[in-house]
Amino acid sequence: MKDTPQYLKTNDMAKMIGYSKDYLLKHKGVFFFEGTHYFTKQKRTNWKVSSMIAWIENKNLSDKAKEILDLVS
């Protein structure tokens, strides 16, 4: 993991984890949260690699995500 960057742009993150760019963008604020999974600066989204890998491996939903899904269902 030494050569892996800490942050990736949306396209690069999508390729790395095998999800589409649209999936990542559509689920900002649902599964992915600013300050945890991504950081925004000057209209650019920087995805935190370690947080996204943890999401892939665990598939644990945060409390906020569970609340949102409860409201929708």
PDB file of N, CA and C in Angstrom:
ATOM      1  N   MET A   1       0.828  -1.192   0.000  1.00  0.00           N
ATOM      2  CA  MET A   1       0.000   0.000   0.000  1.00  0.00           C
ATOM      3  C   MET A   1       0.871   1.253   0.000  1.00  0.00           C
ATOM      4  N   LYS A   2       2.153   1.070   0.026  1.00  0.00           N
ATOM      5  CA  LYS A   2       3.076   2.196   0.057  1.00  0.00           C
ATOM      6  C   LYS A   2       2.967   3.055  -1.200  1.00  0.00           C
ATOM      7  N   ASP A   3       2.746   2.421  -2.351  1.00  0.00           N
ATOM      8  CA  ASP A   3       2.660   3.150  -3.614  1.00  0.00           C
ATOM      9  C   ASP A   3       1.259   3.656  -3.916  1.00  0.00           C
ATOM     10  N   THR A   4       0.265   3.230  -3.142  1.00  0.00           N
ATOM     11  CA  THR A   4      -1.105   3.655  -3.365  1.00  0.00           C
ATOM     12  C   THR A   4      -1.291   5.075  -2.845  1.00  0.00           C
ATOM     13  N   PRO A   5      -1.852   5.955  -3.668  1.00  0.00           N
ATOM     14  CA  PRO A   5      -2.096   7.322  -3.184  1.00  0.00           C
ATOM     15  C   PRO A   5      -3.163   7.323  -2.091  1.00  0.00           C
ATOM     16  N   GLN A   6      -3.167   8.341  -1.257  1.00  0.00           N
ATOM     17  CA  GLN A   6      -4.151   8.452  -0.183  1.00  0.00           C
ATOM     18  C   GLN A   6      -5.500   8.911  -0.705  1.00  0.00           C
ATOM     19  N   TYR A   7      -5.501   9.680  -1.786  1.00  0.00           N
ATOM     20  CA  TYR A   7      -6.737  10.227  -2.347  1.00  0.00           C
ATOM     21  C   TYR A   7      -6.742  10.033  -3.857  1.00  0.00           C
ATOM     22  N   LEU A   8      -7.952   9.819  -4.405  1.00  0.00           N
ATOM     23  CA  LEU A   8      -8.108   9.667  -5.845  1.00  0.00           C
ATOM     24  C   LEU A   8      -9.272  10.515  -6.342  1.00  0.00           C
ATOM     25  N   LYS A   9      -9.207  10.908  -7.602  1.00  0.00           N
ATOM     26  CA  LYS A   9     -10.339  11.578  -8.246  1.00  0.00           C
ATOM     27  C   LYS A   9     -11.450  10.550  -8.448  1.00  0.00           C
ATOM     28  N   THR A  10     -12.646  11.020  -8.730  1.00  0.00           N
ATOM     29  CA  THR A  10     -13.813  10.146  -8.835  1.00  0.00           C
ATOM     30  C   THR A  10     -13.619   9.036  -9.866  1.00  0.00           C
ATOM     31  N   ASN A  11     -13.165   9.366 -11.068  1.00  0.00           N
ATOM     32  CA  ASN A  11     -12.958   8.339 -12.107  1.00  0.00           C
ATOM     33  C   ASN A  11     -11.970   7.278 -11.659  1.00  0.00           C
ATOM     34  N   ASP A  12     -10.875   7.713 -11.049  1.00  0.00           N
ATOM     35  CA  ASP A  12      -9.839   6.782 -10.611  1.00  0.00           C
ATOM     36  C   ASP A  12     -10.336   5.894  -9.471  1.00  0.00           C
ATOM     37  N   MET A  13     -11.104   6.472  -8.554  1.00  0.00           N
ATOM     38  CA  MET A  13     -11.644   5.677  -7.449  1.00  0.00           C
ATOM     39  C   MET A  13     -12.633   4.644  -7.976  1.00  0.00           C
ATOM     40  N   ALA A  14     -13.476   5.047  -8.908  1.00  0.00           N
ATOM     41  CA  ALA A  14     -14.450   4.119  -9.487  1.00  0.00           C
ATOM     42  C   ALA A  14     -13.740   2.928 -10.125  1.00  0.00           C
ATOM     43  N   LYS A  15     -12.688   3.181 -10.870  1.00  0.00           N
ATOM     44  CA  LYS A  15     -11.927   2.101 -11.495  1.00  0.00           C
ATOM     45  C   LYS A  15     -11.277   1.210 -10.445  1.00  0.00           C
ATOM     46  N   MET A  16     -10.755   1.811  -9.393  1.00  0.00           N
ATOM     47  CA  MET A  16     -10.044   1.057  -8.368  1.00  0.00           C
ATOM     48  C   MET A  16     -10.970   0.080  -7.635  1.00  0.00           C
ATOM     49  N   ILE A  17     -12.177   0.514  -7.306  1.00  0.00           N
ATOM     50  CA  ILE A  17     -13.066  -0.334  -6.508  1.00  0.00           C
ATOM     51  C   ILE A  17     -14.090  -1.092  -7.352  1.00  0.00           C
ATOM     52  N   GLY A  18     -14.155  -0.818  -8.637  1.00  0.00           N
ATOM     53  CA  GLY A  18     -15.046  -1.565  -9.513  1.00  0.00           C
ATOM     54  C   GLY A  18     -16.489  -1.091  -9.512  1.00  0.00           C
ATOM     55  N   TYR A  19     -16.714   0.134  -9.138  1.00  0.00           N
ATOM     56  CA  TYR A  19     -18.046   0.742  -9.200  1.00  0.00           C
ATOM     57  C   TYR A  19     -18.004   1.853 -10.241  1.00  0.00           C
ATOM     58  N   SER A  20     -19.154   2.265 -10.720  1.00  0.00           N
ATOM     59  CA  SER A  20     -19.169   3.334 -11.707  1.00  0.00           C
ATOM     60  C   SER A  20     -19.010   4.695 -11.039  1.00  0.00           C
ATOM     61  N   LYS A  21     -18.551   5.638 -11.826  1.00  0.00           N
ATOM     62  CA  LYS A  21     -18.438   7.025 -11.366  1.00  0.00           C
ATOM     63  C   LYS A  21     -19.810   7.540 -10.933  1.00  0.00           C
ATOM     64  N   ASP A  22     -20.824   7.202 -11.707  1.00  0.00           N
ATOM     65  CA  ASP A  22     -22.182   7.646 -11.394  1.00  0.00           C
ATOM     66  C   ASP A  22     -22.661   7.100 -10.052  1.00  0.00           C
ATOM     67  N   TYR A  23     -22.324   5.854  -9.752  1.00  0.00           N
ATOM     68  CA  TYR A  23     -22.714   5.258  -8.468  1.00  0.00           C
ATOM     69  C   TYR A  23     -22.111   6.053  -7.313  1.00  0.00           C
ATOM     70  N   LEU A  24     -20.832   6.363  -7.429  1.00  0.00           N
ATOM     71  CA  LEU A  24     -20.163   7.120  -6.366  1.00  0.00           C
ATOM     72  C   LEU A  24     -20.816   8.487  -6.173  1.00  0.00           C
ATOM     73  N   LEU A  25     -21.043   9.185  -7.267  1.00  0.00           N
ATOM     74  CA  LEU A  25     -21.613  10.526  -7.171  1.00  0.00           C
ATOM     75  C   LEU A  25     -23.060  10.500  -6.689  1.00  0.00           C
ATOM     76  N   LYS A  26     -23.824   9.512  -7.137  1.00  0.00           N
ATOM     77  CA  LYS A  26     -25.233   9.405  -6.757  1.00  0.00           C
ATOM     78  C   LYS A  26     -25.397   9.114  -5.260  1.00  0.00           C
ATOM     79  N   HIS A  27     -24.440   8.427  -4.672  1.00  0.00           N
ATOM     80  CA  HIS A  27     -24.565   8.014  -3.281  1.00  0.00           C
ATOM     81  C   HIS A  27     -23.771   8.871  -2.295  1.00  0.00           C
ATOM     82  N   LYS A  28     -23.308  10.027  -2.754  1.00  0.00           N
ATOM     83  CA  LYS A  28     -22.704  10.986  -1.820  1.00  0.00           C
ATOM     84  C   LYS A  28     -23.810  11.449  -0.883  1.00  0.00           C
ATOM     85  N   GLY A  29     -23.549  11.377   0.410  1.00  0.00           N
ATOM     86  CA  GLY A  29     -24.555  11.763   1.392  1.00  0.00           C
ATOM     87  C   GLY A  29     -25.486  10.629   1.780  1.00  0.00           C
ATOM     88  N   VAL A  30     -25.386   9.480   1.105  1.00  0.00           N
ATOM     89  CA  VAL A  30     -26.194   8.306   1.449  1.00  0.00           C
ATOM     90  C   VAL A  30     -25.282   7.231   2.040  1.00  0.00           C
ATOM     91  N   PHE A  31     -24.347   6.742   1.213  1.00  0.00           N
ATOM     92  CA  PHE A  31     -23.363   5.770   1.689  1.00  0.00           C
ATOM     93  C   PHE A  31     -22.016   6.420   1.975  1.00  0.00           C
ATOM     94  N   PHE A  32     -21.732   7.475   1.254  1.00  0.00           N
ATOM     95  CA  PHE A  32     -20.426   8.134   1.337  1.00  0.00           C
ATOM     96  C   PHE A  32     -20.605   9.549   1.884  1.00  0.00           C
ATOM     97  N   PHE A  33     -19.792   9.899   2.876  1.00  0.00           N
ATOM     98  CA  PHE A  33     -19.977  11.177   3.551  1.00  0.00           C
ATOM     99  C   PHE A  33     -18.723  12.042   3.470  1.00  0.00           C
ATOM    100  N   GLU A  34     -18.978  13.333   3.248  1.00  0.00           N
ATOM    101  CA  GLU A  34     -17.874  14.293   3.197  1.00  0.00           C
ATOM    102  C   GLU A  34     -17.185  14.328   4.551  1.00  0.00           C
ATOM    103  N   GLY A  35     -15.882  14.314   4.528  1.00  0.00           N
ATOM    104  CA  GLY A  35     -15.095  14.312   5.751  1.00  0.00           C
ATOM    105  C   GLY A  35     -14.720  12.909   6.196  1.00  0.00           C
ATOM    106  N   THR A  36     -15.375  11.911   5.614  1.00  0.00           N
ATOM    107  CA  THR A  36     -15.050  10.514   5.913  1.00  0.00           C
ATOM    108  C   THR A  36     -14.575   9.812   4.648  1.00  0.00           C
ATOM    109  N   HIS A  37     -15.436   9.766   3.644  1.00  0.00           N
ATOM    110  CA  HIS A  37     -15.126   9.058   2.407  1.00  0.00           C
ATOM    111  C   HIS A  37     -14.542   9.977   1.338  1.00  0.00           C
ATOM    112  N   TYR A  38     -14.924  11.229   1.380  1.00  0.00           N
ATOM    113  CA  TYR A  38     -14.434  12.161   0.356  1.00  0.00           C
ATOM    114  C   TYR A  38     -14.316  13.567   0.937  1.00  0.00           C
ATOM    115  N   PHE A  39     -13.548  14.362   0.236  1.00  0.00           N
ATOM    116  CA  PHE A  39     -13.331  15.762   0.593  1.00  0.00           C
ATOM    117  C   PHE A  39     -13.461  16.580  -0.681  1.00  0.00           C
ATOM    118  N   THR A  40     -14.132  17.706  -0.584  1.00  0.00           N
ATOM    119  CA  THR A  40     -14.351  18.548  -1.747  1.00  0.00           C
ATOM    120  C   THR A  40     -13.541  19.829  -1.613  1.00  0.00           C
ATOM    121  N   LYS A  41     -12.867  20.173  -2.702  1.00  0.00           N
ATOM    122  CA  LYS A  41     -12.103  21.414  -2.733  1.00  0.00           C
ATOM    123  C   LYS A  41     -12.187  21.976  -4.139  1.00  0.00           C
ATOM    124  N   GLN A  42     -12.693  23.183  -4.253  1.00  0.00           N
ATOM    125  CA  GLN A  42     -12.814  23.874  -5.534  1.00  0.00           C
ATOM    126  C   GLN A  42     -13.489  22.995  -6.591  1.00  0.00           C
ATOM    127  N   LYS A  43     -14.667  22.471  -6.264  1.00  0.00           N
ATOM    128  CA  LYS A  43     -15.494  21.653  -7.159  1.00  0.00           C
ATOM    129  C   LYS A  43     -14.880  20.301  -7.515  1.00  0.00           C
ATOM    130  N   ARG A  44     -13.796  19.936  -6.872  1.00  0.00           N
ATOM    131  CA  ARG A  44     -13.163  18.644  -7.140  1.00  0.00           C
ATOM    132  C   ARG A  44     -13.393  17.738  -5.936  1.00  0.00           C
ATOM    133  N   THR A  45     -13.797  16.508  -6.200  1.00  0.00           N
ATOM    134  CA  THR A  45     -13.995  15.533  -5.141  1.00  0.00           C
ATOM    135  C   THR A  45     -12.767  14.640  -5.055  1.00  0.00           C
ATOM    136  N   ASN A  46     -12.188  14.584  -3.872  1.00  0.00           N
ATOM    137  CA  ASN A  46     -11.045  13.719  -3.606  1.00  0.00           C
ATOM    138  C   ASN A  46     -11.518  12.600  -2.688  1.00  0.00           C
ATOM    139  N   TRP A  47     -11.474  11.358  -3.172  1.00  0.00           N
ATOM    140  CA  TRP A  47     -11.943  10.206  -2.418  1.00  0.00           C
ATOM    141  C   TRP A  47     -10.801   9.630  -1.601  1.00  0.00           C
ATOM    142  N   LYS A  48     -11.064   9.368  -0.336  1.00  0.00           N
ATOM    143  CA  LYS A  48     -10.047   8.816   0.565  1.00  0.00           C
ATOM    144  C   LYS A  48      -9.979   7.311   0.360  1.00  0.00           C
ATOM    145  N   VAL A  49      -8.845   6.836  -0.126  1.00  0.00           N
ATOM    146  CA  VAL A  49      -8.670   5.438  -0.499  1.00  0.00           C
ATOM    147  C   VAL A  49      -8.920   4.513   0.685  1.00  0.00           C
ATOM    148  N   SER A  50      -8.352   4.800   1.834  1.00  0.00           N
ATOM    149  CA  SER A  50      -8.498   3.891   2.983  1.00  0.00           C
ATOM    150  C   SER A  50      -9.949   3.768   3.433  1.00  0.00           C
ATOM    151  N   SER A  51     -10.696   4.855   3.398  1.00  0.00           N
ATOM    152  CA  SER A  51     -12.109   4.800   3.791  1.00  0.00           C
ATOM    153  C   SER A  51     -12.944   4.021   2.788  1.00  0.00           C
ATOM    154  N   MET A  52     -12.626   4.173   1.523  1.00  0.00           N
ATOM    155  CA  MET A  52     -13.372   3.452   0.489  1.00  0.00           C
ATOM    156  C   MET A  52     -13.052   1.960   0.521  1.00  0.00           C
ATOM    157  N   ILE A  53     -11.817   1.603   0.794  1.00  0.00           N
ATOM    158  CA  ILE A  53     -11.460   0.193   0.933  1.00  0.00           C
ATOM    159  C   ILE A  53     -12.190  -0.405   2.134  1.00  0.00           C
ATOM    160  N   ALA A  54     -12.244   0.327   3.230  1.00  0.00           N
ATOM    161  CA  ALA A  54     -12.971  -0.145   4.414  1.00  0.00           C
ATOM    162  C   ALA A  54     -14.448  -0.333   4.085  1.00  0.00           C
ATOM    163  N   TRP A  55     -15.035   0.557   3.312  1.00  0.00           N
ATOM    164  CA  TRP A  55     -16.438   0.433   2.923  1.00  0.00           C
ATOM    165  C   TRP A  55     -16.644  -0.831   2.090  1.00  0.00           C
ATOM    166  N   ILE A  56     -15.748  -1.077   1.153  1.00  0.00           N
ATOM    167  CA  ILE A  56     -15.841  -2.263   0.297  1.00  0.00           C
ATOM    168  C   ILE A  56     -15.732  -3.534   1.146  1.00  0.00           C
ATOM    169  N   GLU A  57     -14.792  -3.563   2.052  1.00  0.00           N
ATOM    170  CA  GLU A  57     -14.539  -4.777   2.827  1.00  0.00           C
ATOM    171  C   GLU A  57     -15.602  -5.038   3.888  1.00  0.00           C
ATOM    172  N   ASN A  58     -16.153  -3.990   4.462  1.00  0.00           N
ATOM    173  CA  ASN A  58     -17.104  -4.168   5.558  1.00  0.00           C
ATOM    174  C   ASN A  58     -18.548  -4.131   5.118  1.00  0.00           C
ATOM    175  N   LYS A  59     -18.843  -3.249   4.197  1.00  0.00           N
ATOM    176  CA  LYS A  59     -20.222  -3.001   3.784  1.00  0.00           C
ATOM    177  C   LYS A  59     -21.090  -2.589   4.980  1.00  0.00           C
ATOM    178  N   ASN A  60     -20.472  -2.008   5.999  1.00  0.00           N
ATOM    179  CA  ASN A  60     -21.228  -1.497   7.140  1.00  0.00           C
ATOM    180  C   ASN A  60     -21.815  -0.146   6.801  1.00  0.00           C
ATOM    181  N   LEU A  61     -23.060   0.033   7.128  1.00  0.00           N
ATOM    182  CA  LEU A  61     -23.703   1.324   6.917  1.00  0.00           C
ATOM    183  C   LEU A  61     -23.532   2.172   8.165  1.00  0.00           C
ATOM    184  N   SER A  62     -23.266   3.424   7.964  1.00  0.00           N
ATOM    185  CA  SER A  62     -23.196   4.342   9.095  1.00  0.00           C
ATOM    186  C   SER A  62     -24.607   4.580   9.627  1.00  0.00           C
ATOM    187  N   ASP A  63     -24.702   5.115  10.813  1.00  0.00           N
ATOM    188  CA  ASP A  63     -26.010   5.425  11.399  1.00  0.00           C
ATOM    189  C   ASP A  63     -26.782   6.401  10.527  1.00  0.00           C
ATOM    190  N   LYS A  64     -26.062   7.367   9.956  1.00  0.00           N
ATOM    191  CA  LYS A  64     -26.715   8.355   9.104  1.00  0.00           C
ATOM    192  C   LYS A  64     -27.298   7.685   7.853  1.00  0.00           C
ATOM    193  N   ALA A  65     -26.558   6.763   7.272  1.00  0.00           N
ATOM    194  CA  ALA A  65     -27.053   6.051   6.090  1.00  0.00           C
ATOM    195  C   ALA A  65     -28.281   5.219   6.437  1.00  0.00           C
ATOM    196  N   LYS A  66     -28.273   4.574   7.596  1.00  0.00           N
ATOM    197  CA  LYS A  66     -29.419   3.775   8.031  1.00  0.00           C
ATOM    198  C   LYS A  66     -30.642   4.652   8.220  1.00  0.00           C
ATOM    199  N   GLU A  67     -30.462   5.841   8.805  1.00  0.00           N
ATOM    200  CA  GLU A  67     -31.575   6.777   8.996  1.00  0.00           C
ATOM    201  C   GLU A  67     -32.186   7.180   7.656  1.00  0.00           C
ATOM    202  N   ILE A  68     -31.329   7.479   6.698  1.00  0.00           N
ATOM    203  CA  ILE A  68     -31.806   7.895   5.369  1.00  0.00           C
ATOM    204  C   ILE A  68     -32.564   6.755   4.704  1.00  0.00           C
ATOM    205  N   LEU A  69     -32.027   5.547   4.781  1.00  0.00           N
ATOM    206  CA  LEU A  69     -32.698   4.405   4.165  1.00  0.00           C
ATOM    207  C   LEU A  69     -34.032   4.103   4.857  1.00  0.00           C
ATOM    208  N   ASP A  70     -34.105   4.303   6.164  1.00  0.00           N
ATOM    209  CA  ASP A  70     -35.367   4.110   6.882  1.00  0.00           C
ATOM    210  C   ASP A  70     -36.420   5.104   6.431  1.00  0.00           C
ATOM    211  N   LEU A  71     -36.005   6.327   6.146  1.00  0.00           N
ATOM    212  CA  LEU A  71     -36.945   7.348   5.687  1.00  0.00           C
ATOM    213  C   LEU A  71     -37.499   7.016   4.303  1.00  0.00           C
ATOM    214  N   VAL A  72     -36.668   6.426   3.471  1.00  0.00           N
ATOM    215  CA  VAL A  72     -37.049   6.130   2.103  1.00  0.00           C
ATOM    216  C   VAL A  72     -37.931   4.877   2.028  1.00  0.00           C
ATOM    217  N   SER A  73     -37.648   3.918   2.887  1.00  0.00           N
ATOM    218  CA  SER A  73     -38.387   2.642   2.805  1.00  0.00           C
ATOM    219  C   SER A  73     -39.666   2.633   3.593  1.00  0.00           C
TER     220      SER A  73
END
